[in-house]
């Protein structure tokens, strides 16, 4: 007896696992870049702001992928 219910959708567990890895890399990488951009901003304002923007966009993409993951069904 498995923990998850089986469904007839075409998405495999391997694809879901790869998507989850990508989600967390995007979120943590984006937030790290955002924080580094805030500290770089004190020395070089344009570079700092560009790092903040890029980090925020990357982290937001990770959060959007969490929503996408919640809408996918799992297939064994």
PDB file of N, CA and C in Angstrom:
ATOM      1  N   UNK A   1       0.844  -1.166   0.000  1.00  0.00           N
ATOM      2  CA  UNK A   1       0.000   0.000   0.000  1.00  0.00           C
ATOM      3  C   UNK A   1       0.897   1.239   0.000  1.00  0.00           C
ATOM      4  N   UNK A   2       0.750   2.074  -0.988  1.00  0.00           N
ATOM      5  CA  UNK A   2       1.583   3.268  -1.104  1.00  0.00           C
ATOM      6  C   UNK A   2       0.969   4.465  -0.395  1.00  0.00           C
ATOM      7  N   UNK A   3       1.797   5.452  -0.205  1.00  0.00           N
ATOM      8  CA  UNK A   3       1.343   6.665   0.460  1.00  0.00           C
ATOM      9  C   UNK A   3       0.468   7.506  -0.458  1.00  0.00           C
ATOM     10  N   UNK A   4       0.853   7.572  -1.748  1.00  0.00           N
ATOM     11  CA  UNK A   4       0.121   8.371  -2.712  1.00  0.00           C
ATOM     12  C   UNK A   4      -0.871   7.504  -3.477  1.00  0.00           C
ATOM     13  N   UNK A   5      -1.986   8.102  -3.847  1.00  0.00           N
ATOM     14  CA  UNK A   5      -2.952   7.402  -4.679  1.00  0.00           C
ATOM     15  C   UNK A   5      -2.455   7.413  -6.117  1.00  0.00           C
ATOM     16  N   UNK A   6      -2.698   6.323  -6.813  1.00  0.00           N
ATOM     17  CA  UNK A   6      -2.296   6.255  -8.206  1.00  0.00           C
ATOM     18  C   UNK A   6      -3.286   7.015  -9.068  1.00  0.00           C
ATOM     19  N   UNK A   7      -2.767   7.627 -10.116  1.00  0.00           N
ATOM     20  CA  UNK A   7      -3.630   8.332 -11.056  1.00  0.00           C
ATOM     21  C   UNK A   7      -3.207   7.974 -12.471  1.00  0.00           C
ATOM     22  N   UNK A   8      -4.048   8.287 -13.423  1.00  0.00           N
ATOM     23  CA  UNK A   8      -3.771   7.935 -14.803  1.00  0.00           C
ATOM     24  C   UNK A   8      -3.154   9.060 -15.603  1.00  0.00           C
ATOM     25  N   UNK A   9      -2.451   9.979 -14.951  1.00  0.00           N
ATOM     26  CA  UNK A   9      -1.892  11.112 -15.682  1.00  0.00           C
ATOM     27  C   UNK A   9      -0.544  10.751 -16.310  1.00  0.00           C
ATOM     28  N   UNK A  10      -0.119  11.495 -17.308  1.00  0.00           N
ATOM     29  CA  UNK A  10       1.110  11.164 -18.024  1.00  0.00           C
ATOM     30  C   UNK A  10       2.405  11.663 -17.370  1.00  0.00           C
ATOM     31  N   UNK A  11       2.367  12.282 -16.208  1.00  0.00           N
ATOM     32  CA  UNK A  11       3.569  12.828 -15.588  1.00  0.00           C
ATOM     33  C   UNK A  11       4.224  11.780 -14.702  1.00  0.00           C
ATOM     34  N   UNK A  12       5.518  11.513 -14.921  1.00  0.00           N
ATOM     35  CA  UNK A  12       6.208  10.480 -14.163  1.00  0.00           C
ATOM     36  C   UNK A  12       6.798  11.042 -12.881  1.00  0.00           C
ATOM     37  N   UNK A  13       7.111  10.148 -11.961  1.00  0.00           N
ATOM     38  CA  UNK A  13       7.734  10.556 -10.705  1.00  0.00           C
ATOM     39  C   UNK A  13       9.098  11.169 -10.941  1.00  0.00           C
ATOM     40  N   UNK A  14       9.821  10.689 -11.959  1.00  0.00           N
ATOM     41  CA  UNK A  14      11.140  11.225 -12.268  1.00  0.00           C
ATOM     42  C   UNK A  14      11.049  12.684 -12.709  1.00  0.00           C
ATOM     43  N   UNK A  15      10.058  12.994 -13.502  1.00  0.00           N
ATOM     44  CA  UNK A  15       9.874  14.383 -13.953  1.00  0.00           C
ATOM     45  C   UNK A  15       9.482  15.282 -12.788  1.00  0.00           C
ATOM     46  N   UNK A  16       8.662  14.778 -11.883  1.00  0.00           N
ATOM     47  CA  UNK A  16       8.259  15.545 -10.710  1.00  0.00           C
ATOM     48  C   UNK A  16       9.475  15.809  -9.821  1.00  0.00           C
ATOM     49  N   UNK A  17      10.307  14.802  -9.614  1.00  0.00           N
ATOM     50  CA  UNK A  17      11.499  14.968  -8.781  1.00  0.00           C
ATOM     51  C   UNK A  17      12.452  16.000  -9.397  1.00  0.00           C
ATOM     52  N   UNK A  18      12.611  15.952 -10.695  1.00  0.00           N
ATOM     53  CA  UNK A  18      13.475  16.919 -11.378  1.00  0.00           C
ATOM     54  C   UNK A  18      12.902  18.327 -11.267  1.00  0.00           C
ATOM     55  N   UNK A  19      11.588  18.447 -11.374  1.00  0.00           N
ATOM     56  CA  UNK A  19      10.936  19.750 -11.230  1.00  0.00           C
ATOM     57  C   UNK A  19      11.107  20.293  -9.816  1.00  0.00           C
ATOM     58  N   UNK A  20      10.994  19.434  -8.811  1.00  0.00           N
ATOM     59  CA  UNK A  20      11.167  19.878  -7.433  1.00  0.00           C
ATOM     60  C   UNK A  20      12.597  20.345  -7.173  1.00  0.00           C
ATOM     61  N   UNK A  21      13.568  19.664  -7.740  1.00  0.00           N
ATOM     62  CA  UNK A  21      14.953  20.116  -7.606  1.00  0.00           C
ATOM     63  C   UNK A  21      15.139  21.486  -8.245  1.00  0.00           C
ATOM     64  N   UNK A  22      14.579  21.664  -9.422  1.00  0.00           N
ATOM     65  CA  UNK A  22      14.678  22.948 -10.108  1.00  0.00           C
ATOM     66  C   UNK A  22      14.012  24.055  -9.304  1.00  0.00           C
ATOM     67  N   UNK A  23      12.871  23.761  -8.714  1.00  0.00           N
ATOM     68  CA  UNK A  23      12.150  24.752  -7.913  1.00  0.00           C
ATOM     69  C   UNK A  23      13.027  25.260  -6.776  1.00  0.00           C
ATOM     70  N   UNK A  24      13.624  24.354  -6.023  1.00  0.00           N
ATOM     71  CA  UNK A  24      14.400  24.779  -4.862  1.00  0.00           C
ATOM     72  C   UNK A  24      15.692  25.466  -5.262  1.00  0.00           C
ATOM     73  N   UNK A  25      16.309  25.049  -6.353  1.00  0.00           N
ATOM     74  CA  UNK A  25      17.507  25.748  -6.838  1.00  0.00           C
ATOM     75  C   UNK A  25      17.149  27.174  -7.241  1.00  0.00           C
ATOM     76  N   UNK A  26      16.038  27.351  -7.927  1.00  0.00           N
ATOM     77  CA  UNK A  26      15.617  28.693  -8.330  1.00  0.00           C
ATOM     78  C   UNK A  26      15.288  29.571  -7.126  1.00  0.00           C
ATOM     79  N   UNK A  27      14.573  29.025  -6.157  1.00  0.00           N
ATOM     80  CA  UNK A  27      14.190  29.829  -4.996  1.00  0.00           C
ATOM     81  C   UNK A  27      15.420  30.231  -4.179  1.00  0.00           C
ATOM     82  N   UNK A  28      16.235  29.266  -3.810  1.00  0.00           N
ATOM     83  CA  UNK A  28      17.399  29.593  -2.981  1.00  0.00           C
ATOM     84  C   UNK A  28      18.432  30.413  -3.750  1.00  0.00           C
ATOM     85  N   UNK A  29      18.662  30.082  -5.005  1.00  0.00           N
ATOM     86  CA  UNK A  29      19.597  30.867  -5.807  1.00  0.00           C
ATOM     87  C   UNK A  29      19.121  32.289  -6.020  1.00  0.00           C
ATOM     88  N   UNK A  30      17.837  32.456  -6.263  1.00  0.00           N
ATOM     89  CA  UNK A  30      17.278  33.787  -6.455  1.00  0.00           C
ATOM     90  C   UNK A  30      17.343  34.624  -5.197  1.00  0.00           C
ATOM     91  N   UNK A  31      17.011  34.025  -4.055  1.00  0.00           N
ATOM     92  CA  UNK A  31      17.065  34.780  -2.805  1.00  0.00           C
ATOM     93  C   UNK A  31      18.502  35.120  -2.420  1.00  0.00           C
ATOM     94  N   UNK A  32      19.430  34.217  -2.675  1.00  0.00           N
ATOM     95  CA  UNK A  32      20.842  34.506  -2.408  1.00  0.00           C
ATOM     96  C   UNK A  32      21.339  35.647  -3.282  1.00  0.00           C
ATOM     97  N   UNK A  33      20.988  35.628  -4.553  1.00  0.00           N
ATOM     98  CA  UNK A  33      21.378  36.704  -5.458  1.00  0.00           C
ATOM     99  C   UNK A  33      20.756  38.028  -5.039  1.00  0.00           C
ATOM    100  N   UNK A  34      19.513  37.987  -4.604  1.00  0.00           N
ATOM    101  CA  UNK A  34      18.836  39.187  -4.136  1.00  0.00           C
ATOM    102  C   UNK A  34      19.558  39.798  -2.928  1.00  0.00           C
ATOM    103  N   UNK A  35      19.913  38.977  -1.960  1.00  0.00           N
ATOM    104  CA  UNK A  35      20.593  39.470  -0.763  1.00  0.00           C
ATOM    105  C   UNK A  35      21.992  39.978  -1.107  1.00  0.00           C
ATOM    106  N   UNK A  36      22.695  39.260  -1.960  1.00  0.00           N
ATOM    107  CA  UNK A  36      24.022  39.738  -2.384  1.00  0.00           C
ATOM    108  C   UNK A  36      23.910  41.059  -3.133  1.00  0.00           C
ATOM    109  N   UNK A  37      22.865  41.200  -3.918  1.00  0.00           N
ATOM    110  CA  UNK A  37      22.635  42.456  -4.624  1.00  0.00           C
ATOM    111  C   UNK A  37      22.407  43.612  -3.670  1.00  0.00           C
ATOM    112  N   UNK A  38      21.721  43.361  -2.572  1.00  0.00           N
ATOM    113  CA  UNK A  38      21.504  44.409  -1.572  1.00  0.00           C
ATOM    114  C   UNK A  38      22.820  44.844  -0.933  1.00  0.00           C
ATOM    115  N   UNK A  39      23.729  43.905  -0.715  1.00  0.00           N
ATOM    116  CA  UNK A  39      25.009  44.288  -0.118  1.00  0.00           C
ATOM    117  C   UNK A  39      25.936  44.937  -1.155  1.00  0.00           C
ATOM    118  N   UNK A  40      25.877  44.506  -2.402  1.00  0.00           N
ATOM    119  CA  UNK A  40      26.697  45.109  -3.458  1.00  0.00           C
ATOM    120  C   UNK A  40      26.198  46.514  -3.780  1.00  0.00           C
ATOM    121  N   UNK A  41      24.944  46.755  -3.554  1.00  0.00           N
ATOM    122  CA  UNK A  41      24.334  48.052  -3.877  1.00  0.00           C
ATOM    123  C   UNK A  41      25.010  49.201  -3.136  1.00  0.00           C
ATOM    124  N   UNK A  42      25.567  48.949  -1.981  1.00  0.00           N
ATOM    125  CA  UNK A  42      26.252  49.994  -1.222  1.00  0.00           C
ATOM    126  C   UNK A  42      27.502  50.494  -1.939  1.00  0.00           C
ATOM    127  N   UNK A  43      28.133  49.608  -2.700  1.00  0.00           N
ATOM    128  CA  UNK A  43      29.374  49.965  -3.396  1.00  0.00           C
ATOM    129  C   UNK A  43      29.093  50.401  -4.831  1.00  0.00           C
ATOM    130  N   UNK A  44      28.284  49.625  -5.534  1.00  0.00           N
ATOM    131  CA  UNK A  44      27.989  49.900  -6.947  1.00  0.00           C
ATOM    132  C   UNK A  44      26.477  49.819  -7.135  1.00  0.00           C
ATOM    133  N   UNK A  45      25.829  50.970  -7.148  1.00  0.00           N
ATOM    134  CA  UNK A  45      24.359  51.026  -7.162  1.00  0.00           C
ATOM    135  C   UNK A  45      23.723  50.324  -8.371  1.00  0.00           C
ATOM    136  N   UNK A  46      24.164  50.600  -9.616  1.00  0.00           N
ATOM    137  CA  UNK A  46      23.502  49.930 -10.754  1.00  0.00           C
ATOM    138  C   UNK A  46      23.674  48.405 -10.745  1.00  0.00           C
ATOM    139  N   UNK A  47      24.860  47.936 -10.394  1.00  0.00           N
ATOM    140  CA  UNK A  47      25.088  46.485 -10.338  1.00  0.00           C
ATOM    141  C   UNK A  47      24.253  45.850  -9.230  1.00  0.00           C
ATOM    142  N   UNK A  48      24.178  46.523  -8.086  1.00  0.00           N
ATOM    143  CA  UNK A  48      23.385  45.998  -6.981  1.00  0.00           C
ATOM    144  C   UNK A  48      21.920  45.881  -7.327  1.00  0.00           C
ATOM    145  N   UNK A  49      21.365  46.930  -7.942  1.00  0.00           N
ATOM    146  CA  UNK A  49      19.948  46.884  -8.314  1.00  0.00           C
ATOM    147  C   UNK A  49      19.677  45.816  -9.363  1.00  0.00           C
ATOM    148  N   UNK A  50      20.605  45.648 -10.306  1.00  0.00           N
ATOM    149  CA  UNK A  50      20.377  44.610 -11.323  1.00  0.00           C
ATOM    150  C   UNK A  50      20.409  43.225 -10.688  1.00  0.00           C
ATOM    151  N   UNK A  51      21.281  43.017  -9.706  1.00  0.00           N
ATOM    152  CA  UNK A  51      21.309  41.729  -9.012  1.00  0.00           C
ATOM    153  C   UNK A  51      20.032  41.514  -8.199  1.00  0.00           C
ATOM    154  N   UNK A  52      19.529  42.568  -7.579  1.00  0.00           N
ATOM    155  CA  UNK A  52      18.278  42.466  -6.809  1.00  0.00           C
ATOM    156  C   UNK A  52      17.127  42.093  -7.729  1.00  0.00           C
ATOM    157  N   UNK A  53      17.049  42.735  -8.874  1.00  0.00           N
ATOM    158  CA  UNK A  53      15.955  42.466  -9.815  1.00  0.00           C
ATOM    159  C   UNK A  53      16.045  41.046 -10.360  1.00  0.00           C
ATOM    160  N   UNK A  54      17.249  40.648 -10.790  1.00  0.00           N
ATOM    161  CA  UNK A  54      17.416  39.296 -11.340  1.00  0.00           C
ATOM    162  C   UNK A  54      17.120  38.245 -10.270  1.00  0.00           C
ATOM    163  N   UNK A  55      17.618  38.450  -9.062  1.00  0.00           N
ATOM    164  CA  UNK A  55      17.354  37.501  -7.975  1.00  0.00           C
ATOM    165  C   UNK A  55      15.876  37.409  -7.645  1.00  0.00           C
ATOM    166  N   UNK A  56      15.194  38.554  -7.636  1.00  0.00           N
ATOM    167  CA  UNK A  56      13.754  38.545  -7.358  1.00  0.00           C
ATOM    168  C   UNK A  56      12.964  37.819  -8.429  1.00  0.00           C
ATOM    169  N   UNK A  57      13.343  38.031  -9.680  1.00  0.00           N
ATOM    170  CA  UNK A  57      12.640  37.360 -10.787  1.00  0.00           C
ATOM    171  C   UNK A  57      12.875  35.855 -10.734  1.00  0.00           C
ATOM    172  N   UNK A  58      14.107  35.443 -10.460  1.00  0.00           N
ATOM    173  CA  UNK A  58      14.408  34.007 -10.394  1.00  0.00           C
ATOM    174  C   UNK A  58      13.665  33.348  -9.235  1.00  0.00           C
ATOM    175  N   UNK A  59      13.644  33.995  -8.064  1.00  0.00           N
ATOM    176  CA  UNK A  59      12.910  33.444  -6.924  1.00  0.00           C
ATOM    177  C   UNK A  59      11.409  33.389  -7.219  1.00  0.00           C
ATOM    178  N   UNK A  60      10.880  34.426  -7.858  1.00  0.00           N
ATOM    179  CA  UNK A  60       9.457  34.432  -8.213  1.00  0.00           C
ATOM    180  C   UNK A  60       9.133  33.297  -9.180  1.00  0.00           C
ATOM    181  N   UNK A  61      10.037  33.018 -10.109  1.00  0.00           N
ATOM    182  CA  UNK A  61       9.839  31.905 -11.034  1.00  0.00           C
ATOM    183  C   UNK A  61       9.769  30.584 -10.272  1.00  0.00           C
ATOM    184  N   UNK A  62      10.608  30.430  -9.253  1.00  0.00           N
ATOM    185  CA  UNK A  62      10.555  29.227  -8.417  1.00  0.00           C
ATOM    186  C   UNK A  62       9.226  29.089  -7.709  1.00  0.00           C
ATOM    187  N   UNK A  63       8.685  30.213  -7.204  1.00  0.00           N
ATOM    188  CA  UNK A  63       7.391  30.163  -6.531  1.00  0.00           C
ATOM    189  C   UNK A  63       6.257  29.858  -7.513  1.00  0.00           C
ATOM    190  N   UNK A  64       6.363  30.354  -8.734  1.00  0.00           N
ATOM    191  CA  UNK A  64       5.356  30.035  -9.755  1.00  0.00           C
ATOM    192  C   UNK A  64       5.407  28.547 -10.091  1.00  0.00           C
ATOM    193  N   UNK A  65       6.616  27.991 -10.130  1.00  0.00           N
ATOM    194  CA  UNK A  65       6.735  26.561 -10.419  1.00  0.00           C
ATOM    195  C   UNK A  65       6.156  25.700  -9.296  1.00  0.00           C
ATOM    196  N   UNK A  66       6.123  26.208  -8.072  1.00  0.00           N
ATOM    197  CA  UNK A  66       5.444  25.478  -6.997  1.00  0.00           C
ATOM    198  C   UNK A  66       3.961  25.343  -7.330  1.00  0.00           C
ATOM    199  N   UNK A  67       3.367  26.414  -7.825  1.00  0.00           N
ATOM    200  CA  UNK A  67       1.960  26.358  -8.229  1.00  0.00           C
ATOM    201  C   UNK A  67       1.775  25.370  -9.389  1.00  0.00           C
ATOM    202  N   UNK A  68       2.674  25.413 -10.360  1.00  0.00           N
ATOM    203  CA  UNK A  68       2.593  24.482 -11.497  1.00  0.00           C
ATOM    204  C   UNK A  68       2.702  23.048 -10.991  1.00  0.00           C
ATOM    205  N   UNK A  69       3.604  22.805 -10.064  1.00  0.00           N
ATOM    206  CA  UNK A  69       3.784  21.455  -9.506  1.00  0.00           C
ATOM    207  C   UNK A  69       2.510  20.996  -8.792  1.00  0.00           C
ATOM    208  N   UNK A  70       1.824  21.901  -8.143  1.00  0.00           N
ATOM    209  CA  UNK A  70       0.609  21.514  -7.426  1.00  0.00           C
ATOM    210  C   UNK A  70      -0.512  21.103  -8.375  1.00  0.00           C
ATOM    211  N   UNK A  71      -0.432  21.531  -9.608  1.00  0.00           N
ATOM    212  CA  UNK A  71      -1.459  21.201 -10.589  1.00  0.00           C
ATOM    213  C   UNK A  71      -1.157  19.928 -11.376  1.00  0.00           C
ATOM    214  N   UNK A  72       0.050  19.380 -11.244  1.00  0.00           N
ATOM    215  CA  UNK A  72       0.420  18.169 -11.969  1.00  0.00           C
ATOM    216  C   UNK A  72      -0.037  16.937 -11.205  1.00  0.00           C
ATOM    217  N   UNK A  73      -0.350  15.899 -11.938  1.00  0.00           N
ATOM    218  CA  UNK A  73      -0.679  14.607 -11.333  1.00  0.00           C
ATOM    219  C   UNK A  73       0.520  13.687 -11.459  1.00  0.00           C
ATOM    220  N   UNK A  74       0.588  12.687 -10.609  1.00  0.00           N
ATOM    221  CA  UNK A  74       1.732  11.791 -10.576  1.00  0.00           C
ATOM    222  C   UNK A  74       1.374  10.448 -11.193  1.00  0.00           C
ATOM    223  N   UNK A  75       2.304   9.915 -11.988  1.00  0.00           N
ATOM    224  CA  UNK A  75       2.151   8.587 -12.596  1.00  0.00           C
ATOM    225  C   UNK A  75       3.353   7.749 -12.189  1.00  0.00           C
ATOM    226  N   UNK A  76       3.148   6.494 -11.867  1.00  0.00           N
ATOM    227  CA  UNK A  76       4.269   5.616 -11.502  1.00  0.00           C
ATOM    228  C   UNK A  76       5.028   5.161 -12.664  1.00  0.00           C
TER     229      UNK A  76
END
